[in-house]
Amino acid sequence: MLRRPDTWTDGRLGWYSCWTLGSECDGGFAEYVVAPGSEAYGVRCDWSDAELASVPCAFSTAENLLDLRTIYLKDLSLFGCTFQDDVVFANVIDHVEKGHIRPVVAKTYPLAAIRQAQEDFLRKVHTGKLVLVP
């Protein structure tokens, strides 16, 4: 089971209409998170928990990116975006289940070793994902 990384609100939760788990709301490091059923996706695959944990943010971002030709041919500037249409995460789950994508996990760390994980990330000598596990 994976949870979408962003949450739609109807304005009740503040001025953002889209909140990101671990940014505008707590839960980014939680082992368990309560979420509406519409934002939870069952995933049929043989991946490890560490591999699945690396999917929501990174692969959703990649799925949501504009074609780079659109950016440079129209001389556009890209500043970043956390908004994703509902179909984006569903597409990512489809890619996982069909075996089109699979993350490379460089190393896992217990949550208590988050400082070491951050230091390793900043060294930029790893290939793949650095994953925190509960």
Protein backbone atom coordinates (compact mmCIF):
# COMPACT_ATOMS: atom_id res chain seq x y z
CA MET A 1 0.00 0.00 0.00
CA LEU A 2 1.33 3.43 -0.94
CA ARG A 3 -0.07 6.83 -0.11
CA ARG A 4 -0.05 9.73 -2.54
CA PRO A 5 2.61 12.27 -1.51
CA ASP A 6 0.22 15.20 -1.82
CA THR A 7 -3.20 15.82 -0.27
CA TRP A 8 -6.00 17.91 -1.70
CA THR A 9 -7.81 20.14 0.74
CA ASP A 10 -10.91 22.22 0.34
CA GLY A 11 -9.29 25.26 1.94
CA ARG A 12 -10.10 24.20 5.53
CA LEU A 13 -6.46 23.45 6.30
CA GLY A 14 -5.02 26.84 5.41
CA TRP A 15 -4.21 28.80 2.29
CA TYR A 16 -2.65 25.85 0.43
CA SER A 17 -5.09 23.78 -1.59
CA CYS A 18 -2.49 21.01 -1.96
CA TRP A 19 -0.47 19.81 1.02
CA THR A 20 2.56 17.57 0.79
CA LEU A 21 3.04 14.88 3.42
CA GLY A 22 6.02 15.87 5.57
CA SER A 23 5.96 19.49 4.39
CA GLU A 24 2.65 21.25 5.00
CA CYS A 25 1.42 18.41 7.25
CA ASP A 26 3.17 15.96 9.58
CA GLY A 27 3.72 12.32 8.69
CA GLY A 28 6.73 12.26 6.37
CA PHE A 29 8.67 9.97 8.74
CA ALA A 30 5.71 8.06 10.16
CA GLU A 31 5.60 4.28 9.96
CA TYR A 32 1.78 4.49 9.73
CA VAL A 33 -0.31 7.36 8.38
CA VAL A 34 -4.07 7.82 8.36
CA ALA A 35 -5.23 8.91 4.91
CA PRO A 36 -8.46 9.02 2.94
CA GLY A 37 -9.01 5.81 0.96
CA SER A 38 -8.90 7.84 -2.26
CA GLU A 39 -5.23 8.62 -1.58
CA ALA A 40 -4.11 5.08 -0.72
CA TYR A 41 -3.11 2.72 -3.52
CA GLY A 42 -2.68 -1.03 -3.33
CA VAL A 43 0.40 -2.10 -5.26
CA ARG A 44 0.87 -5.56 -6.72
CA CYS A 45 4.60 -6.20 -7.00
CA ASP A 46 7.41 -8.13 -5.33
CA TRP A 47 9.36 -5.06 -4.21
CA SER A 48 10.85 -4.58 -0.76
CA ASP A 49 9.43 -1.94 1.58
CA ALA A 50 12.56 0.17 0.99
CA GLU A 51 12.00 0.10 -2.77
CA LEU A 52 8.32 1.00 -2.38
CA ALA A 53 9.19 3.81 0.04
CA SER A 54 11.30 5.50 -2.62
CA VAL A 55 8.46 5.69 -5.14
CA PRO A 56 5.94 8.38 -4.09
CA CYS A 57 8.07 11.51 -4.25
CA ALA A 58 10.79 10.80 -6.81
CA PHE A 59 8.84 8.82 -9.39
CA SER A 60 5.76 11.06 -9.10
CA THR A 61 7.97 14.08 -9.74
CA ALA A 62 9.44 12.42 -12.84
CA GLU A 63 6.00 11.36 -14.12
CA ASN A 64 4.72 14.91 -13.60
CA LEU A 65 7.58 16.70 -15.42
CA LEU A 66 7.03 18.55 -18.64
CA ASP A 67 8.79 17.27 -21.71
CA LEU A 68 12.14 19.10 -21.58
CA ARG A 69 11.80 20.00 -25.27
CA THR A 70 8.74 22.05 -24.33
CA ILE A 71 10.84 23.99 -21.83
CA TYR A 72 13.81 24.82 -24.02
CA LEU A 73 11.99 25.26 -27.36
CA LYS A 74 9.62 27.78 -25.82
CA ASP A 75 12.42 29.33 -23.72
CA LEU A 76 10.48 28.70 -20.51
CA SER A 77 11.74 28.93 -16.95
CA LEU A 78 11.00 26.13 -14.51
CA PHE A 79 10.96 27.03 -10.82
CA GLY A 80 9.49 23.84 -9.34
CA CYS A 81 6.13 22.44 -8.51
CA THR A 82 4.58 20.16 -5.90
CA PHE A 83 1.16 20.03 -7.56
CA GLN A 84 0.19 16.81 -9.30
CA ASP A 85 -2.98 15.91 -11.16
CA ASP A 86 -4.79 12.89 -9.70
CA VAL A 87 -3.78 10.70 -12.64
CA VAL A 88 -0.03 11.14 -12.02
CA PHE A 89 0.26 8.84 -9.00
CA ALA A 90 -2.08 6.28 -10.56
CA ASN A 91 0.25 6.24 -13.59
CA VAL A 92 3.26 5.66 -11.34
CA ILE A 93 1.56 2.69 -9.66
CA ASP A 94 0.73 1.31 -13.11
CA HIS A 95 4.41 1.60 -14.14
CA VAL A 96 5.46 -0.24 -10.95
CA GLU A 97 2.99 -3.07 -11.45
CA LYS A 98 3.94 -3.52 -15.12
CA GLY A 99 7.66 -3.61 -14.25
CA HIS A 100 8.48 -0.47 -16.28
CA ILE A 101 10.35 1.14 -13.39
CA ARG A 102 12.23 -0.07 -10.33
CA PRO A 103 14.30 2.05 -7.96
CA VAL A 104 17.89 1.34 -7.07
CA VAL A 105 18.28 1.45 -3.29
CA ALA A 106 21.84 2.44 -2.43
CA LYS A 107 21.46 2.10 1.33
CA THR A 108 18.87 1.92 4.10
CA TYR A 109 19.17 3.61 7.50
CA PRO A 110 17.15 3.29 10.69
CA LEU A 111 15.33 6.54 11.47
CA ALA A 112 17.70 7.08 14.41
CA ALA A 113 20.56 7.37 11.86
CA ILE A 114 18.94 10.21 9.90
CA ARG A 115 21.99 12.43 10.50
CA GLN A 116 24.28 9.85 8.87
CA ALA A 117 21.84 9.49 5.97
CA GLN A 118 21.86 13.25 5.42
CA GLU A 119 25.65 13.38 5.58
CA ASP A 120 25.90 10.53 3.06
CA PHE A 121 23.39 12.29 0.81
CA LEU A 122 25.44 15.50 0.87
CA ARG A 123 28.62 13.62 -0.07
CA LYS A 124 26.93 12.65 -3.37
CA VAL A 125 28.94 9.45 -3.82
CA HIS A 126 25.98 7.05 -3.84
CA THR A 127 24.04 5.69 -6.79
CA GLY A 128 20.37 5.19 -6.04
CA LYS A 129 18.07 6.00 -3.17
CA LEU A 130 18.98 6.46 0.46
CA VAL A 131 15.97 5.21 2.42
CA LEU A 132 15.03 5.73 6.06
CA VAL A 133 13.23 2.77 7.66
CA PRO A 134 11.34 2.65 10.98
